[in-house]
Protein backbone atom coordinates (compact mmCIF):
# COMPACT_ATOMS: atom_id res chain seq x y z
CA MET A 1 12.90 -8.98 -8.94
CA LYS A 2 16.25 -7.42 -9.72
CA ILE A 3 17.52 -4.72 -7.43
CA HIS A 4 17.43 -2.07 -10.20
CA GLU A 5 13.75 -2.72 -11.05
CA PHE A 6 12.15 -0.21 -8.71
CA GLY A 7 8.73 1.31 -9.09
CA LEU A 8 5.33 0.19 -7.86
CA TRP A 9 5.32 -3.37 -6.49
CA PHE A 10 2.83 -5.36 -4.41
CA LYS A 11 3.54 -8.12 -1.93
CA SER A 12 0.70 -10.38 -0.84
CA GLY A 13 0.17 -13.60 0.98
CA PHE A 14 -1.32 -15.51 3.85
CA SER A 15 0.53 -16.24 7.08
CA ASP A 16 0.72 -20.00 6.39
CA GLU A 17 1.54 -19.84 2.65
CA GLY A 18 4.32 -17.25 2.46
CA PHE A 19 4.42 -14.18 0.21
CA SER A 20 4.57 -13.39 -3.49
CA TRP A 21 5.59 -10.24 -5.40
CA SER A 22 3.66 -8.71 -8.30
CA THR A 23 3.48 -5.54 -10.41
CA THR A 24 -0.33 -5.76 -10.27
CA ILE A 25 -2.57 -5.87 -7.20
CA PRO A 26 -3.13 -9.53 -6.30
CA PRO A 27 -6.81 -10.52 -5.86
CA GLU A 28 -6.46 -11.87 -2.32
CA GLY A 29 -4.22 -12.12 0.71
CA PHE A 30 -2.61 -9.56 2.97
CA LEU A 31 -1.39 -6.69 0.77
CA CYS A 32 1.72 -4.50 1.08
CA ILE A 33 2.32 -1.65 -1.38
CA TYR A 34 5.92 -0.66 -2.20
CA TYR A 35 7.33 2.17 -4.27
CA ASP A 36 11.00 2.62 -5.08
CA GLY A 37 11.85 -0.06 -2.51
CA ASP A 38 9.97 1.64 0.38
CA ILE A 39 6.69 0.44 1.86
CA MET A 40 3.86 2.88 1.16
CA GLY A 41 0.98 1.05 2.84
CA GLN A 42 -0.67 -2.18 3.94
CA GLN A 43 -4.19 -3.53 3.61
CA ASN A 44 -5.47 -6.35 5.78
CA THR A 45 -7.85 -9.09 4.63
CA ARG A 46 -10.25 -8.97 7.57
CA ASN A 47 -11.93 -5.56 7.13
CA PHE A 48 -9.86 -4.13 4.24
CA GLU A 49 -8.51 -1.20 6.27
CA LEU A 50 -5.56 0.55 4.65
CA SER A 51 -2.69 1.96 6.70
CA THR A 52 -0.14 4.22 5.02
CA THR A 53 3.36 5.42 5.85
CA THR A 54 4.63 8.99 5.62
CA TRP A 55 8.33 8.80 6.44
CA TYR A 56 9.75 8.11 2.95
CA THR A 57 10.45 10.40 -0.02
CA HIS A 58 7.15 9.28 -1.58
CA LYS A 59 3.75 8.54 -0.06
CA MET A 60 0.32 7.27 -1.04
CA ARG A 61 -2.39 9.83 -1.70
CA VAL A 62 -5.70 8.04 -1.16
CA ARG A 63 -8.89 9.18 -2.90
CA GLU A 64 -10.95 11.61 -0.87
CA ILE A 65 -14.02 9.34 -0.77
CA PHE A 66 -12.36 7.16 1.89
CA THR A 67 -12.43 8.24 5.52
CA LYS A 68 -9.94 7.62 8.31
CA ASN A 69 -10.84 5.94 11.59
CA ARG A 70 -9.46 6.80 15.02
CA LYS A 71 -6.25 4.87 14.33
CA GLY A 72 -5.61 6.86 11.14
CA HIS A 73 -6.41 3.92 8.87
CA TYR A 74 -8.54 4.37 5.76
CA GLN A 75 -11.88 2.56 5.60
CA ILE A 76 -11.75 1.03 2.11
CA GLY A 77 -14.26 -1.79 2.70
CA ARG A 78 -13.02 -3.82 -0.29
CA ARG A 79 -9.83 -4.80 -2.06
CA LEU A 80 -7.74 -1.78 -3.08
CA THR A 81 -7.54 -0.89 -6.81
CA LEU A 82 -5.04 1.26 -8.73
CA GLU A 83 -7.74 3.92 -9.12
CA ASP A 84 -8.01 4.31 -5.32
CA PHE A 85 -4.60 5.92 -4.83
CA GLU A 86 -1.57 7.54 -6.38
CA ILE A 87 2.06 7.74 -5.34
CA VAL A 88 3.25 11.34 -4.89
CA GLU A 89 6.36 13.08 -3.65
CA ASN A 90 6.32 13.56 0.11
CA VAL A 91 7.09 17.27 0.43
CA TYR A 92 6.65 17.16 4.23
CA ARG A 93 9.21 14.44 4.80
CA LYS A 94 11.68 15.31 7.52
CA THR A 95 15.29 14.66 6.58
């Protein structure tokens, strides 16, 4: 990836095999979602919970059908798809 190629990127992998970058959601492995060089969220491979970040200029808006648990993580229950979220401007970001 060149430094000027920002946008939506995914990083996945397993702890013993390293990581790989992709412009599509990889089918397996730990998943990190990046937009414009900033991490937007992470999904684990054990129970498919999704945690999101809110301190960048953009954030993930997750579909309303998913609920949050006590830790603030979304209960996805399966591998994330592009239809499950969108990247939006974070109007509440503190500067």
